[in-house]
C-alpha atoms as a PDB file:
ATOM      1  CA  MET A   1      48.438  47.462 383.724  1.00  0.00           C
ATOM      2  CA  HIS A   2      50.047  44.216 384.856  1.00  0.00           C
ATOM      3  CA  PHE A   3      48.743  43.758 388.388  1.00  0.00           C
ATOM      4  CA  PHE A   4      50.243  40.735 390.128  1.00  0.00           C
ATOM      5  CA  GLY A   5      49.738  38.284 387.298  1.00  0.00           C
ATOM      6  CA  THR A   6      46.651  39.798 385.682  1.00  0.00           C
ATOM      7  CA  GLU A   7      46.248  42.405 382.951  1.00  0.00           C
ATOM      8  CA  LEU A   8      43.681  44.944 384.127  1.00  0.00           C
ATOM      9  CA  GLN A   9      42.424  48.383 383.202  1.00  0.00           C
ATOM     10  CA  SER A  10      43.369  51.256 385.513  1.00  0.00           C
ATOM     11  CA  TYR A  11      40.638  53.721 386.448  1.00  0.00           C
ATOM     12  CA  LYS A  12      41.321  57.114 388.003  1.00  0.00           C
ATOM     13  CA  VAL A  13      38.956  57.731 390.903  1.00  0.00           C
ATOM     14  CA  ASN A  14      38.364  60.311 393.622  1.00  0.00           C
ATOM     15  CA  LEU A  15      36.859  58.493 396.589  1.00  0.00           C
ATOM     16  CA  HIS A  16      36.335  61.368 399.061  1.00  0.00           C
ATOM     17  CA  THR A  17      34.083  64.191 397.899  1.00  0.00           C
ATOM     18  CA  HIS A  18      31.937  66.783 399.682  1.00  0.00           C
ATOM     19  CA  SER A  19      29.258  68.810 397.932  1.00  0.00           C
ATOM     20  CA  LYS A  20      26.766  71.408 399.107  1.00  0.00           C
ATOM     21  CA  SER A  21      24.804  68.459 400.489  1.00  0.00           C
ATOM     22  CA  SER A  22      27.118  68.901 403.508  1.00  0.00           C
ATOM     23  CA  ASP A  23      30.034  71.348 403.836  1.00  0.00           C
ATOM     24  CA  GLY A  24      31.368  71.571 400.274  1.00  0.00           C
ATOM     25  CA  VAL A  25      31.216  74.677 398.088  1.00  0.00           C
ATOM     26  CA  PHE A  26      30.219  72.891 394.859  1.00  0.00           C
ATOM     27  CA  GLN A  27      26.861  71.548 393.784  1.00  0.00           C
ATOM     28  CA  PRO A  28      26.973  67.850 392.812  1.00  0.00           C
ATOM     29  CA  ASP A  29      26.670  68.673 389.109  1.00  0.00           C
ATOM     30  CA  GLU A  30      29.602  71.115 389.360  1.00  0.00           C
ATOM     31  CA  LEU A  31      31.793  68.409 390.890  1.00  0.00           C
ATOM     32  CA  ILE A  32      30.809  65.933 388.198  1.00  0.00           C
ATOM     33  CA  GLN A  33      31.646  68.454 385.493  1.00  0.00           C
ATOM     34  CA  ARG A  34      35.041  69.309 386.987  1.00  0.00           C
ATOM     35  CA  TYR A  35      36.162  65.725 387.569  1.00  0.00           C
ATOM     36  CA  SER A  36      34.879  64.562 384.196  1.00  0.00           C
ATOM     37  CA  GLN A  37      36.788  67.325 382.412  1.00  0.00           C
ATOM     38  CA  ALA A  38      39.914  66.412 384.407  1.00  0.00           C
ATOM     39  CA  GLY A  39      39.845  62.873 383.013  1.00  0.00           C
ATOM     40  CA  TYR A  40      38.559  60.935 386.001  1.00  0.00           C
ATOM     41  CA  ASP A  41      36.756  57.653 385.431  1.00  0.00           C
ATOM     42  CA  ALA A  42      34.729  57.561 388.640  1.00  0.00           C
ATOM     43  CA  LEU A  43      33.701  59.793 391.520  1.00  0.00           C
ATOM     44  CA  ALA A  44      32.379  58.868 394.954  1.00  0.00           C
ATOM     45  CA  PHE A  45      30.069  61.255 396.790  1.00  0.00           C
ATOM     46  CA  THR A  46      30.820  61.029 400.520  1.00  0.00           C
ATOM     47  CA  ASP A  47      29.061  63.911 402.211  1.00  0.00           C
ATOM     48  CA  HIS A  48      29.005  64.042 405.990  1.00  0.00           C
ATOM     49  CA  ARG A  49      26.156  61.922 407.408  1.00  0.00           C
ATOM     50  CA  PHE A  50      24.286  62.055 404.075  1.00  0.00           C
ATOM     51  CA  ALA A  51      24.053  59.695 401.094  1.00  0.00           C
ATOM     52  CA  ASN A  52      23.496  61.509 397.810  1.00  0.00           C
ATOM     53  CA  PRO A  53      21.009  60.161 395.239  1.00  0.00           C
ATOM     54  CA  VAL A  54      23.808  59.488 392.743  1.00  0.00           C
ATOM     55  CA  SER A  55      21.612  57.269 390.571  1.00  0.00           C
ATOM     56  CA  SER A  56      19.676  60.411 389.597  1.00  0.00           C
ATOM     57  CA  TYR A  57      22.814  62.349 388.578  1.00  0.00           C
ATOM     58  CA  ASP A  58      24.294  62.566 385.081  1.00  0.00           C
ATOM     59  CA  GLY A  59      27.809  61.215 385.506  1.00  0.00           C
ATOM     60  CA  LYS A  60      29.106  62.755 382.252  1.00  0.00           C
ATOM     61  CA  GLY A  61      30.692  59.417 381.367  1.00  0.00           C
ATOM     62  CA  MET A  62      32.006  58.757 384.877  1.00  0.00           C
ATOM     63  CA  THR A  63      30.849  56.030 387.233  1.00  0.00           C
ATOM     64  CA  LEU A  64      29.266  57.562 390.335  1.00  0.00           C
ATOM     65  CA  ILE A  65      29.592  55.757 393.659  1.00  0.00           C
ATOM     66  CA  SER A  66      27.249  56.266 396.587  1.00  0.00           C
ATOM     67  CA  GLY A  67      28.982  56.851 399.897  1.00  0.00           C
ATOM     68  CA  MET A  68      29.062  58.797 403.143  1.00  0.00           C
ATOM     69  CA  GLU A  69      31.547  60.083 405.681  1.00  0.00           C
ATOM     70  CA  VAL A  70      30.295  58.495 408.885  1.00  0.00           C
ATOM     71  CA  HIS A  71      31.007  60.080 412.270  1.00  0.00           C
ATOM     72  CA  PRO A  72      30.401  57.799 415.254  1.00  0.00           C
ATOM     73  CA  GLN A  73      31.779  58.552 418.685  1.00  0.00           C
ATOM     74  CA  ALA A  74      35.418  57.641 419.293  1.00  0.00           C
ATOM     75  CA  MET A  75      37.807  57.833 422.219  1.00  0.00           C
ATOM     76  CA  ARG A  76      39.229  60.951 423.899  1.00  0.00           C
ATOM     77  CA  GLY A  77      36.348  63.093 422.653  1.00  0.00           C
ATOM     78  CA  ILE A  78      37.272  62.550 418.989  1.00  0.00           C
ATOM     79  CA  LEU A  79      34.777  61.605 416.294  1.00  0.00           C
ATOM     80  CA  TRP A  80      35.601  58.782 413.912  1.00  0.00           C
ATOM     81  CA  HIS A  81      35.823  59.767 410.253  1.00  0.00           C
ATOM     82  CA  MET A  82      34.895  56.579 408.388  1.00  0.00           C
ATOM     83  CA  LEU A  83      34.808  56.807 404.596  1.00  0.00           C
ATOM     84  CA  ALA A  84      31.987  54.455 403.613  1.00  0.00           C
ATOM     85  CA  LEU A  85      31.612  53.454 399.947  1.00  0.00           C
ATOM     86  CA  GLY A  86      28.998  51.435 398.085  1.00  0.00           C
ATOM     87  CA  LEU A  87      26.167  52.309 400.452  1.00  0.00           C
ATOM     88  CA  PRO A  88      22.485  52.229 399.515  1.00  0.00           C
ATOM     89  CA  GLU A  89      21.251  55.734 398.756  1.00  0.00           C
ATOM     90  CA  ASP A  90      18.726  55.455 401.613  1.00  0.00           C
ATOM     91  CA  PHE A  91      21.398  54.616 404.204  1.00  0.00           C
ATOM     92  CA  LYS A  92      20.712  56.544 407.416  1.00  0.00           C
ATOM     93  CA  HIS A  93      23.349  57.890 409.781  1.00  0.00           C
ATOM     94  CA  ASP A  94      22.963  57.400 413.533  1.00  0.00           C
ATOM     95  CA  ASP A  95      24.913  59.834 415.715  1.00  0.00           C
ATOM     96  CA  SER A  96      24.623  57.467 418.681  1.00  0.00           C
ATOM     97  CA  TRP A  97      26.700  54.734 417.017  1.00  0.00           C
ATOM     98  CA  SER A  98      29.982  53.641 418.490  1.00  0.00           C
ATOM     99  CA  GLY A  99      32.780  53.124 415.998  1.00  0.00           C
ATOM    100  CA  GLN A 100      32.198  49.381 415.836  1.00  0.00           C
ATOM    101  CA  GLN A 101      28.426  49.783 415.554  1.00  0.00           C
ATOM    102  CA  ALA A 102      28.956  52.078 412.570  1.00  0.00           C
ATOM    103  CA  ALA A 103      31.354  49.563 411.023  1.00  0.00           C
ATOM    104  CA  VAL A 104      28.778  46.789 411.370  1.00  0.00           C
ATOM    105  CA  ALA A 105      26.026  48.984 409.902  1.00  0.00           C
ATOM    106  CA  ILE A 106      28.175  49.847 406.873  1.00  0.00           C
ATOM    107  CA  LEU A 107      29.175  46.244 406.225  1.00  0.00           C
ATOM    108  CA  GLU A 108      25.646  44.889 406.726  1.00  0.00           C
ATOM    109  CA  ALA A 109      24.395  47.448 404.192  1.00  0.00           C
ATOM    110  CA  GLY A 110      26.830  46.028 401.623  1.00  0.00           C
ATOM    111  CA  GLY A 111      29.413  48.808 401.849  1.00  0.00           C
ATOM    112  CA  ILE A 112      33.114  48.952 402.629  1.00  0.00           C
ATOM    113  CA  PHE A 113      34.965  51.588 404.609  1.00  0.00           C
ATOM    114  CA  PHE A 114      38.371  53.153 405.152  1.00  0.00           C
ATOM    115  CA  ILE A 115      39.520  55.113 408.186  1.00  0.00           C
ATOM    116  CA  ALA A 116      39.894  58.677 406.901  1.00  0.00           C
ATOM    117  CA  HIS A 117      42.952  60.850 407.657  1.00  0.00           C
ATOM    118  CA  PRO A 118      43.961  59.160 410.942  1.00  0.00           C
ATOM    119  CA  TYR A 119      46.961  61.460 411.487  1.00  0.00           C
ATOM    120  CA  TRP A 120      44.784  64.572 411.139  1.00  0.00           C
ATOM    121  CA  CYS A 121      42.216  63.112 413.548  1.00  0.00           C
ATOM    122  CA  GLY A 122      44.877  62.302 416.123  1.00  0.00           C
ATOM    123  CA  PHE A 123      44.283  58.551 416.192  1.00  0.00           C
ATOM    124  CA  THR A 124      47.060  56.170 417.143  1.00  0.00           C
ATOM    125  CA  SER A 125      47.586  53.032 415.107  1.00  0.00           C
ATOM    126  CA  SER A 126      46.247  50.995 418.055  1.00  0.00           C
ATOM    127  CA  GLU A 127      43.036  53.003 417.967  1.00  0.00           C
ATOM    128  CA  VAL A 128      42.734  52.539 414.203  1.00  0.00           C
ATOM    129  CA  MET A 129      43.167  48.784 414.653  1.00  0.00           C
ATOM    130  CA  SER A 130      40.438  48.695 417.310  1.00  0.00           C
ATOM    131  CA  ILE A 131      37.792  48.984 414.578  1.00  0.00           C
ATOM    132  CA  GLN A 132      37.083  45.592 413.026  1.00  0.00           C
ATOM    133  CA  GLY A 133      36.178  45.293 409.346  1.00  0.00           C
ATOM    134  CA  SER A 134      38.075  48.251 407.915  1.00  0.00           C
ATOM    135  CA  ALA A 135      39.526  47.874 404.419  1.00  0.00           C
ATOM    136  CA  GLY A 136      42.348  50.239 405.348  1.00  0.00           C
ATOM    137  CA  ILE A 137      43.158  53.928 405.701  1.00  0.00           C
ATOM    138  CA  GLU A 138      43.751  57.091 403.717  1.00  0.00           C
ATOM    139  CA  VAL A 139      47.511  57.363 403.229  1.00  0.00           C
ATOM    140  CA  PHE A 140      47.142  60.851 401.718  1.00  0.00           C
ATOM    141  CA  ASN A 141      44.367  63.408 402.136  1.00  0.00           C
ATOM    142  CA  ALA A 142      44.710  66.711 400.282  1.00  0.00           C
ATOM    143  CA  ALA A 143      42.442  68.641 402.662  1.00  0.00           C
ATOM    144  CA  CYS A 144      44.683  67.745 405.610  1.00  0.00           C
ATOM    145  CA  ARG A 145      47.812  69.300 404.087  1.00  0.00           C
ATOM    146  CA  TYR A 146      47.097  72.720 405.558  1.00  0.00           C
ATOM    147  CA  PRO A 147      47.800  71.819 409.216  1.00  0.00           C
ATOM    148  CA  GLY A 148      50.686  69.626 408.009  1.00  0.00           C
ATOM    149  CA  LYS A 149      48.914  66.309 408.497  1.00  0.00           C
ATOM    150  CA  GLY A 150      48.147  65.132 404.974  1.00  0.00           C
ATOM    151  CA  TYR A 151      50.208  61.925 405.124  1.00  0.00           C
ATOM    152  CA  SER A 152      49.525  58.840 407.252  1.00  0.00           C
ATOM    153  CA  MET A 153      52.323  56.503 406.122  1.00  0.00           C
ATOM    154  CA  GLN A 154      53.580  55.810 409.637  1.00  0.00           C
ATOM    155  CA  THR A 155      50.110  54.861 410.875  1.00  0.00           C
ATOM    156  CA  TRP A 156      49.718  52.520 407.902  1.00  0.00           C
ATOM    157  CA  ASP A 157      53.085  50.859 408.466  1.00  0.00           C
ATOM    158  CA  GLU A 158      52.442  50.387 412.171  1.00  0.00           C
ATOM    159  CA  CYS A 159      49.173  48.620 411.357  1.00  0.00           C
ATOM    160  CA  LEU A 160      50.865  46.466 408.715  1.00  0.00           C
ATOM    161  CA  ASP A 161      53.668  45.662 411.140  1.00  0.00           C
ATOM    162  CA  HIS A 162      51.010  44.253 413.475  1.00  0.00           C
ATOM    163  CA  GLY A 163      49.697  42.003 410.706  1.00  0.00           C
ATOM    164  CA  ARG A 164      46.677  44.043 409.638  1.00  0.00           C
ATOM    165  CA  ARG A 165      46.224  43.620 405.909  1.00  0.00           C
ATOM    166  CA  TYR A 166      45.202  47.197 405.261  1.00  0.00           C
ATOM    167  CA  SER A 167      45.101  48.816 401.856  1.00  0.00           C
ATOM    168  CA  ALA A 168      45.522  52.576 401.487  1.00  0.00           C
ATOM    169  CA  ILE A 169      43.870  55.172 399.278  1.00  0.00           C
ATOM    170  CA  ALA A 170      44.807  58.737 398.299  1.00  0.00           C
ATOM    171  CA  VAL A 171      42.001  61.280 398.135  1.00  0.00           C
ATOM    172  CA  ASP A 172      41.188  64.919 397.524  1.00  0.00           C
ATOM    173  CA  ASP A 173      38.630  65.156 400.356  1.00  0.00           C
ATOM    174  CA  VAL A 174      37.421  68.025 398.248  1.00  0.00           C
ATOM    175  CA  HIS A 175      35.471  70.800 399.941  1.00  0.00           C
ATOM    176  CA  GLY A 176      36.620  73.668 397.721  1.00  0.00           C
ATOM    177  CA  HIS A 177      38.970  74.664 394.929  1.00  0.00           C
ATOM    178  CA  ASP A 178      42.214  74.106 396.847  1.00  0.00           C
ATOM    179  CA  GLN A 179      41.737  70.333 397.167  1.00  0.00           C
ATOM    180  CA  LEU A 180      40.831  69.550 393.557  1.00  0.00           C
ATOM    181  CA  PHE A 181      42.946  66.908 391.775  1.00  0.00           C
ATOM    182  CA  LYS A 182      45.642  66.489 394.436  1.00  0.00           C
ATOM    183  CA  GLY A 183      45.243  62.804 395.368  1.00  0.00           C
ATOM    184  CA  HIS A 184      43.538  59.933 393.598  1.00  0.00           C
ATOM    185  CA  THR A 185      43.198  56.174 393.620  1.00  0.00           C
ATOM    186  CA  MET A 186      43.905  54.085 390.525  1.00  0.00           C
ATOM    187  CA  ILE A 187      41.573  51.097 390.685  1.00  0.00           C
ATOM    188  CA  CYS A 188      42.665  48.060 388.657  1.00  0.00           C
ATOM    189  CA  ALA A 189      39.569  46.254 387.420  1.00  0.00           C
ATOM    190  CA  ARG A 190      37.950  44.554 384.436  1.00  0.00           C
ATOM    191  CA  ASP A 191      35.574  47.456 383.845  1.00  0.00           C
ATOM    192  CA  LYS A 192      34.448  50.654 385.551  1.00  0.00           C
ATOM    193  CA  GLY A 193      30.991  49.543 386.611  1.00  0.00           C
ATOM    194  CA  PRO A 194      30.307  50.333 390.280  1.00  0.00           C
ATOM    195  CA  GLU A 195      30.212  46.664 391.281  1.00  0.00           C
ATOM    196  CA  SER A 196      33.561  46.006 389.588  1.00  0.00           C
ATOM    197  CA  LEU A 197      35.222  49.059 391.151  1.00  0.00           C
ATOM    198  CA  LEU A 198      33.921  48.308 394.638  1.00  0.00           C
ATOM    199  CA  LYS A 199      34.976  44.671 394.380  1.00  0.00           C
ATOM    200  CA  ALA A 200      38.479  45.759 393.366  1.00  0.00           C
ATOM    201  CA  LEU A 201      38.609  48.184 396.295  1.00  0.00           C
ATOM    202  CA  ALA A 202      37.580  45.462 398.728  1.00  0.00           C
ATOM    203  CA  GLU A 203      40.271  43.155 397.319  1.00  0.00           C
ATOM    204  CA  GLY A 204      43.035  45.778 397.377  1.00  0.00           C
ATOM    205  CA  SER A 205      43.315  45.827 393.591  1.00  0.00           C
ATOM    206  CA  PHE A 206      44.458  49.442 393.295  1.00  0.00           C
ATOM    207  CA  TYR A 207      47.209  51.871 394.142  1.00  0.00           C
ATOM    208  CA  ALA A 208      47.179  55.384 395.604  1.00  0.00           C
ATOM    209  CA  SER A 209      48.812  58.350 393.904  1.00  0.00           C
ATOM    210  CA  GLN A 210      49.440  62.063 393.788  1.00  0.00           C
ATOM    211  CA  GLY A 211      50.563  61.791 390.167  1.00  0.00           C
ATOM    212  CA  PRO A 212      53.090  58.990 389.458  1.00  0.00           C
ATOM    213  CA  GLN A 213      51.736  55.896 387.732  1.00  0.00           C
ATOM    214  CA  PHE A 214      52.551  52.236 388.174  1.00  0.00           C
ATOM    215  CA  THR A 215      52.362  50.138 384.993  1.00  0.00           C
ATOM    216  CA  HIS A 216      53.568  46.812 386.402  1.00  0.00           C
ATOM    217  CA  LEU A 217      53.505  45.246 389.855  1.00  0.00           C
ATOM    218  CA  SER A 218      54.478  41.630 390.474  1.00  0.00           C
ATOM    219  CA  TYR A 219      55.859  39.271 393.086  1.00  0.00           C
ATOM    220  CA  GLU A 220      57.098  35.971 391.688  1.00  0.00           C
ATOM    221  CA  ASN A 221      59.839  33.577 392.806  1.00  0.00           C
ATOM    222  CA  GLN A 222      60.592  35.839 395.789  1.00  0.00           C
ATOM    223  CA  VAL A 223      61.323  38.805 393.513  1.00  0.00           C
ATOM    224  CA  PHE A 224      59.277  42.012 393.649  1.00  0.00           C
ATOM    225  CA  LYS A 225      59.161  43.985 390.399  1.00  0.00           C
ATOM    226  CA  ALA A 226      57.635  47.369 389.674  1.00  0.00           C
ATOM    227  CA  LYS A 227      57.545  49.550 386.573  1.00  0.00           C
ATOM    228  CA  PHE A 228      56.321  53.126 386.709  1.00  0.00           C
ATOM    229  CA  SER A 229      56.455  56.614 385.244  1.00  0.00           C
ATOM    230  CA  PRO A 230      59.869  58.311 385.644  1.00  0.00           C
ATOM    231  CA  CYS A 231      60.657  58.834 389.331  1.00  0.00           C
ATOM    232  CA  ALA A 232      63.463  60.166 391.489  1.00  0.00           C
ATOM    233  CA  GLU A 233      63.035  57.578 394.230  1.00  0.00           C
ATOM    234  CA  ALA A 234      61.690  54.034 394.477  1.00  0.00           C
ATOM    235  CA  ILE A 235      61.744  52.104 397.742  1.00  0.00           C
ATOM    236  CA  LEU A 236      60.250  48.995 399.280  1.00  0.00           C
ATOM    237  CA  ILE A 237      59.114  49.345 402.880  1.00  0.00           C
ATOM    238  CA  SER A 238      58.746  46.338 405.175  1.00  0.00           C
ATOM    239  CA  ASN A 239      58.369  45.336 408.824  1.00  0.00           C
ATOM    240  CA  ARG A 240      60.305  47.086 411.561  1.00  0.00           C
ATOM    241  CA  HIS A 241      63.753  48.226 410.354  1.00  0.00           C
ATOM    242  CA  ASN A 242      63.562  46.415 407.013  1.00  0.00           C
ATOM    243  CA  GLY A 243      63.375  48.131 403.664  1.00  0.00           C
ATOM    244  CA  PHE A 244      65.071  48.325 400.286  1.00  0.00           C
ATOM    245  CA  LEU A 245      66.223  51.344 398.333  1.00  0.00           C
ATOM    246  CA  GLY A 246      65.471  50.392 394.753  1.00  0.00           C
ATOM    247  CA  LYS A 247      66.672  53.673 393.280  1.00  0.00           C
ATOM    248  CA  LEU A 248      67.555  57.192 394.383  1.00  0.00           C
ATOM    249  CA  ALA A 249      68.162  59.596 391.521  1.00  0.00           C
ATOM    250  CA  GLU A 250      71.518  61.323 391.473  1.00  0.00           C
ATOM    251  CA  ALA A 251      72.277  64.486 389.536  1.00  0.00           C
ATOM    252  CA  ASP A 252      74.578  64.039 386.553  1.00  0.00           C
ATOM    253  CA  GLU A 253      77.935  65.624 387.398  1.00  0.00           C
ATOM    254  CA  GLN A 254      78.161  67.557 384.144  1.00  0.00           C
ATOM    255  CA  SER A 255      74.575  68.481 383.288  1.00  0.00           C
ATOM    256  CA  GLY A 256      73.106  68.526 386.788  1.00  0.00           C
ATOM    257  CA  LYS A 257      70.093  66.683 385.413  1.00  0.00           C
ATOM    258  CA  LEU A 258      68.499  64.010 387.574  1.00  0.00           C
ATOM    259  CA  GLU A 259      68.819  60.473 386.270  1.00  0.00           C
ATOM    260  CA  LEU A 260      65.305  59.181 386.868  1.00  0.00           C
ATOM    261  CA  CYS A 261      64.328  55.535 387.157  1.00  0.00           C
ATOM    262  CA  GLU A 262      61.367  53.646 385.718  1.00  0.00           C
ATOM    263  CA  GLU A 263      61.628  50.171 387.234  1.00  0.00           C
ATOM    264  CA  ILE A 264      63.003  48.164 390.128  1.00  0.00           C
ATOM    265  CA  SER A 265      63.540  44.459 390.751  1.00  0.00           C
ATOM    266  CA  ILE A 266      64.351  43.366 394.308  1.00  0.00           C
ATOM    267  CA  ASP A 267      65.110  39.915 395.712  1.00  0.00           C
ATOM    268  CA  LEU A 268      63.125  39.391 398.924  1.00  0.00           C
ATOM    269  CA  SER A 269      64.331  35.879 399.700  1.00  0.00           C
ATOM    270  CA  LYS A 270      65.970  36.974 402.963  1.00  0.00           C
ATOM    271  CA  LEU A 271      62.769  38.374 404.450  1.00  0.00           C
ATOM    272  CA  PRO A 272      60.863  36.040 406.800  1.00  0.00           C
ATOM    273  CA  ALA A 273      57.514  34.552 405.816  1.00  0.00           C
ATOM    274  CA  GLY A 274      54.643  36.738 406.973  1.00  0.00           C
ATOM    275  CA  PHE A 275      56.479  40.021 406.443  1.00  0.00           C
ATOM    276  CA  TYR A 276      54.951  42.631 404.144  1.00  0.00           C
ATOM    277  CA  VAL A 277      56.435  44.877 401.489  1.00  0.00           C
ATOM    278  CA  ARG A 278      54.902  47.902 399.829  1.00  0.00           C
ATOM    279  CA  CYS A 279      56.382  49.997 397.039  1.00  0.00           C
ATOM    280  CA  GLN A 280      56.590  53.763 397.376  1.00  0.00           C
ATOM    281  CA  ILE A 281      57.743  55.980 394.518  1.00  0.00           C
ATOM    282  CA  ARG A 282      58.370  59.728 394.333  1.00  0.00           C
ATOM    283  CA  ASP A 283      58.713  61.777 391.158  1.00  0.00           C
ATOM    284  CA  SER A 284      60.909  64.817 390.524  1.00  0.00           C
ATOM    285  CA  GLU A 285      58.068  67.104 391.642  1.00  0.00           C
ATOM    286  CA  GLY A 286      57.918  65.419 395.044  1.00  0.00           C
ATOM    287  CA  ARG A 287      54.656  63.587 394.351  1.00  0.00           C
ATOM    288  CA  TYR A 288      54.203  60.070 395.701  1.00  0.00           C
ATOM    289  CA  ALA A 289      52.457  56.879 394.672  1.00  0.00           C
ATOM    290  CA  TRP A 290      51.961  53.882 396.946  1.00  0.00           C
ATOM    291  CA  SER A 291      51.305  50.248 396.096  1.00  0.00           C
ATOM    292  CA  ASN A 292      49.269  48.137 398.468  1.00  0.00           C
ATOM    293  CA  PRO A 293      51.194  45.657 400.623  1.00  0.00           C
ATOM    294  CA  VAL A 294      52.186  42.172 399.575  1.00  0.00           C
ATOM    295  CA  PHE A 295      52.478  39.671 402.421  1.00  0.00           C
ATOM    296  CA  LEU A 296      55.215  37.104 401.868  1.00  0.00           C
END
């Protein structure tokens, strides 16, 4: 795809996965088989407090990423859920860590991390921002749909509105059958080697999706352009009250069929320097995709 001036490959990845190594119902090889057959390019194993020996697994053509869901102590009796990726397979969890101590341990080990499902956890945006070094948050988590807390768009926007340059991923957080293939991250990179994918994640070179696909994202001469699979809604979201409705599908008066859109082009010259914009699209099935923010 065309990703802000560069032609890159797009790789479909699930970044939040639990196996029988913690509280999942599938063995690691079962997960690999299922995601490989579903057309995924990479899979991260992120069991609770445990790093899987992914280098010993047969990836069935997929890249396997070593990770862990880390659970240091947080405020108000809540545990942090920190999705750590790119960890050494011998990385050890310490239950006595504070949130910031865990962040430092992850980063010093060469990993990156995202704050998992902040809405489900009950964290405010201020609490999310209290952890230094985070790459961003999960904007959608399929496992958190059941109590009605699968989306964290407001938390993300509040952080962005305060100047935090957070990216956002969509994940299955698979524990069992009901979470399979509901949210994924499309990483835009030169190749699907683990180093390339992790570098792209750290740089924000990806978008999050439940199904819709971006094929072009650009910001040039104060104009934001996006091309994507047919969608019913395309909007740009920005600081505070600002935003732009690129397209909202209307039903044809005679046929009743929705007139879907596949691209938007929006002049942002009136927005102040330092503001952000992110593109959010929704298809006719109600599934979203989210670009990462561009800061003007």
